[in-house]
Amino acid sequence: LLKILIEKRNIRGYGIDTSVDKIIKSLNNEVNVINDDINNKLDYFSDNSFDYVILAQSLQVVNNPVDLINEMLRVGKEAIISFPNMGHWKSRLYLFLKGKMPVTSDLPHSWYSTPNIHLCTIRDFKEMCHKNNFTILDEVISNSRDERISSNYLSNLTGASAIFRIK
């Protein structure tokens, strides 16, 4: 994502990762990357260092999502967060019919070997934002074919993934 943003939008930015293989791949792609865990504070960045801080499809793997979002909003003016929606009808149907946690393209691991520790729905995320005084500026909900769908009451059921811009 960072490589695309650098090439298409001429941005400057940093990635953060713990995987040495991903760090080497990022450096080979001329992407600045810091070897760290996003569960740690972002102390090496001062307040308002960035216009945007992006957490792409990783919300479900962090130890404390609220602390991380607060830290993202400390170092950036706004945060963009994307995540798979566990409220999607296919996940619900899978659980209903098979009686097991869903394994999907967005969540490809079995429950016992998954890095995911905080799965949520679109409604869960909105409620968390409200309770923690995060203002939702924009949201994009897409279905399982990556087509944008309207944000309404049924988007929690029909949306496979979500992207929120908050401050």
Protein backbone atom coordinates (compact mmCIF):
# COMPACT_ATOMS: atom_id res chain seq x y z
CA LEU A 1 0.00 0.00 0.00
CA LEU A 2 2.76 2.43 0.91
CA LYS A 3 4.59 1.73 -2.36
CA ILE A 4 1.40 2.46 -4.32
CA LEU A 5 0.81 5.68 -2.39
CA ILE A 6 4.39 6.78 -3.00
CA GLU A 7 4.13 6.09 -6.74
CA LYS A 8 0.57 7.32 -7.36
CA ARG A 9 0.21 10.14 -4.81
CA ASN A 10 3.85 11.19 -4.31
CA ILE A 11 3.57 10.84 -0.53
CA ARG A 12 6.33 10.42 2.03
CA GLY A 13 5.80 7.87 4.74
CA TYR A 14 7.00 4.96 6.84
CA GLY A 15 5.84 1.42 7.31
CA ILE A 16 6.17 -0.45 10.59
CA ASP A 17 6.68 -4.20 10.75
CA THR A 18 8.27 -6.89 12.90
CA SER A 19 8.88 -9.34 10.06
CA VAL A 20 12.47 -9.23 8.80
CA ASP A 21 11.35 -10.70 5.46
CA LYS A 22 8.73 -7.95 5.00
CA ILE A 23 11.24 -5.28 6.03
CA ILE A 24 13.74 -6.53 3.45
CA LYS A 25 11.00 -6.62 0.80
CA SER A 26 9.96 -3.05 1.71
CA LEU A 27 13.54 -1.78 1.55
CA ASN A 28 14.03 -3.53 -1.81
CA ASN A 29 10.91 -1.66 -3.00
CA GLU A 30 12.40 1.63 -1.75
CA VAL A 31 9.81 1.94 1.00
CA ASN A 32 10.93 3.37 4.34
CA VAL A 33 10.17 0.91 7.11
CA ILE A 34 10.78 0.76 10.84
CA ASN A 35 11.44 -2.54 12.59
CA ASP A 36 9.00 -2.34 15.48
CA ASP A 37 5.74 -3.72 16.81
CA ILE A 38 2.66 -1.53 16.32
CA ASN A 39 1.55 -2.61 19.79
CA ASN A 40 4.32 -0.41 21.17
CA LYS A 41 3.97 3.33 21.48
CA LEU A 42 5.04 5.30 18.44
CA ASP A 43 7.40 7.41 20.57
CA TYR A 44 9.88 7.96 17.75
CA PHE A 45 7.27 10.20 16.07
CA SER A 46 6.35 13.55 17.56
CA ASP A 47 2.78 14.83 17.77
CA ASN A 48 1.18 15.65 14.41
CA SER A 49 4.11 14.27 12.38
CA PHE A 50 1.80 13.08 9.61
CA ASP A 51 -1.39 14.08 7.85
CA TYR A 52 -2.64 10.48 7.86
CA VAL A 53 -1.73 7.30 9.71
CA ILE A 54 -3.00 4.12 8.05
CA LEU A 55 -3.75 0.78 9.65
CA ALA A 56 -4.56 -1.53 6.74
CA GLN A 57 -6.28 -4.83 7.58
CA SER A 58 -4.41 -5.12 10.90
CA LEU A 59 -6.87 -3.83 13.51
CA GLN A 60 -7.83 -7.37 14.44
CA VAL A 61 -4.25 -8.36 15.33
CA VAL A 62 -3.31 -5.55 17.73
CA ASN A 63 -3.31 -6.04 21.48
CA ASN A 64 -5.25 -2.90 22.37
CA PRO A 65 -7.03 -1.27 19.42
CA VAL A 66 -8.15 1.83 21.37
CA ASP A 67 -4.62 2.57 22.62
CA LEU A 68 -3.21 2.13 19.12
CA ILE A 69 -5.84 4.41 17.57
CA ASN A 70 -5.13 7.07 20.22
CA GLU A 71 -1.44 6.81 19.37
CA MET A 72 -2.20 7.00 15.63
CA LEU A 73 -4.22 10.17 16.22
CA ARG A 74 -1.41 11.62 18.32
CA VAL A 75 1.14 11.31 15.52
CA GLY A 76 -1.30 12.02 12.66
CA LYS A 77 -4.07 14.50 12.05
CA GLU A 78 -6.37 11.69 10.90
CA ALA A 79 -6.34 7.89 10.88
CA ILE A 80 -7.50 5.55 8.14
CA ILE A 81 -8.38 2.08 9.39
CA SER A 82 -9.53 -0.93 7.37
CA PHE A 83 -10.63 -4.30 8.66
CA PRO A 84 -12.58 -7.42 7.67
CA ASN A 85 -16.19 -7.34 8.88
CA MET A 86 -17.13 -10.37 10.98
CA GLY A 87 -20.78 -9.33 10.67
CA HIS A 88 -20.79 -10.11 6.93
CA TRP A 89 -23.55 -12.52 5.97
CA LYS A 90 -21.10 -15.13 4.65
CA SER A 91 -19.30 -15.24 8.01
CA ARG A 92 -22.64 -15.51 9.83
CA LEU A 93 -23.86 -18.25 7.49
CA TYR A 94 -20.59 -20.18 7.78
CA LEU A 95 -20.85 -20.10 11.57
CA PHE A 96 -24.54 -21.01 11.48
CA LEU A 97 -24.21 -23.92 9.04
CA LYS A 98 -20.86 -25.37 10.06
CA GLY A 99 -20.83 -24.40 13.71
CA LYS A 100 -17.21 -23.29 13.35
CA MET A 101 -15.40 -19.97 13.13
CA PRO A 102 -15.28 -18.86 9.49
CA VAL A 103 -12.19 -19.25 7.34
CA THR A 104 -12.36 -16.76 4.46
CA SER A 105 -10.01 -15.00 2.06
CA ASP A 106 -9.93 -12.03 4.47
CA LEU A 107 -9.49 -14.33 7.51
CA PRO A 108 -7.58 -17.33 6.14
CA HIS A 109 -6.58 -18.98 9.43
CA SER A 110 -8.32 -21.49 11.66
CA TRP A 111 -9.28 -20.12 15.07
CA TYR A 112 -6.41 -21.93 16.83
CA SER A 113 -3.66 -20.65 14.52
CA THR A 114 -4.89 -17.16 13.76
CA PRO A 115 -3.00 -13.97 14.62
CA ASN A 116 -6.42 -12.31 14.97
CA ILE A 117 -7.35 -11.48 18.55
CA HIS A 118 -9.93 -8.69 18.17
CA LEU A 119 -12.38 -9.53 15.42
CA CYS A 120 -15.20 -7.03 15.08
CA THR A 121 -18.14 -5.95 13.00
CA ILE A 122 -18.78 -2.59 11.39
CA ARG A 123 -21.31 -1.84 14.12
CA ASP A 124 -18.74 -2.81 16.82
CA PHE A 125 -16.20 -0.42 15.29
CA LYS A 126 -18.67 2.47 15.13
CA GLU A 127 -19.67 1.87 18.75
CA MET A 128 -16.01 1.82 19.83
CA CYS A 129 -15.44 5.13 18.00
CA HIS A 130 -18.44 6.70 19.73
CA LYS A 131 -17.41 5.49 23.20
CA ASN A 132 -13.86 6.80 22.74
CA ASN A 133 -14.78 10.14 21.14
CA PHE A 134 -13.27 9.29 17.76
CA THR A 135 -15.07 11.22 15.05
CA ILE A 136 -15.88 9.22 11.92
CA LEU A 137 -15.22 11.49 8.94
CA ASP A 138 -15.83 9.00 6.15
CA GLU A 139 -16.50 5.32 5.64
CA VAL A 140 -16.29 2.98 2.70
CA ILE A 141 -17.96 -0.41 2.94
CA SER A 142 -17.27 -2.97 0.23
CA ASN A 143 -18.83 -6.33 -0.50
CA SER A 144 -17.02 -9.60 -1.16
CA ARG A 145 -16.42 -8.54 -4.79
CA ASP A 146 -14.66 -5.32 -3.64
CA GLU A 147 -17.55 -3.21 -4.89
CA ARG A 148 -18.42 -0.18 -2.79
CA ILE A 149 -21.83 -0.46 -1.17
CA SER A 150 -23.88 2.24 0.47
CA SER A 151 -23.40 2.78 4.16
CA ASN A 152 -26.70 2.01 5.78
CA TYR A 153 -28.25 -0.27 8.35
CA LEU A 154 -27.63 -3.36 6.19
CA SER A 155 -23.97 -2.58 5.50
CA ASN A 156 -23.03 -4.51 8.65
CA LEU A 157 -24.65 -7.57 7.04
CA THR A 158 -23.59 -7.02 3.41
CA GLY A 159 -20.14 -5.46 3.85
CA ALA A 160 -17.18 -7.85 3.71
CA SER A 161 -14.69 -5.14 4.67
CA ALA A 162 -14.70 -1.56 5.85
CA ILE A 163 -12.47 1.49 5.69
CA PHE A 164 -12.97 4.36 8.13
CA ARG A 165 -11.33 7.78 8.24
CA ILE A 166 -11.43 9.16 11.76
CA LYS A 167 -10.07 11.97 13.90
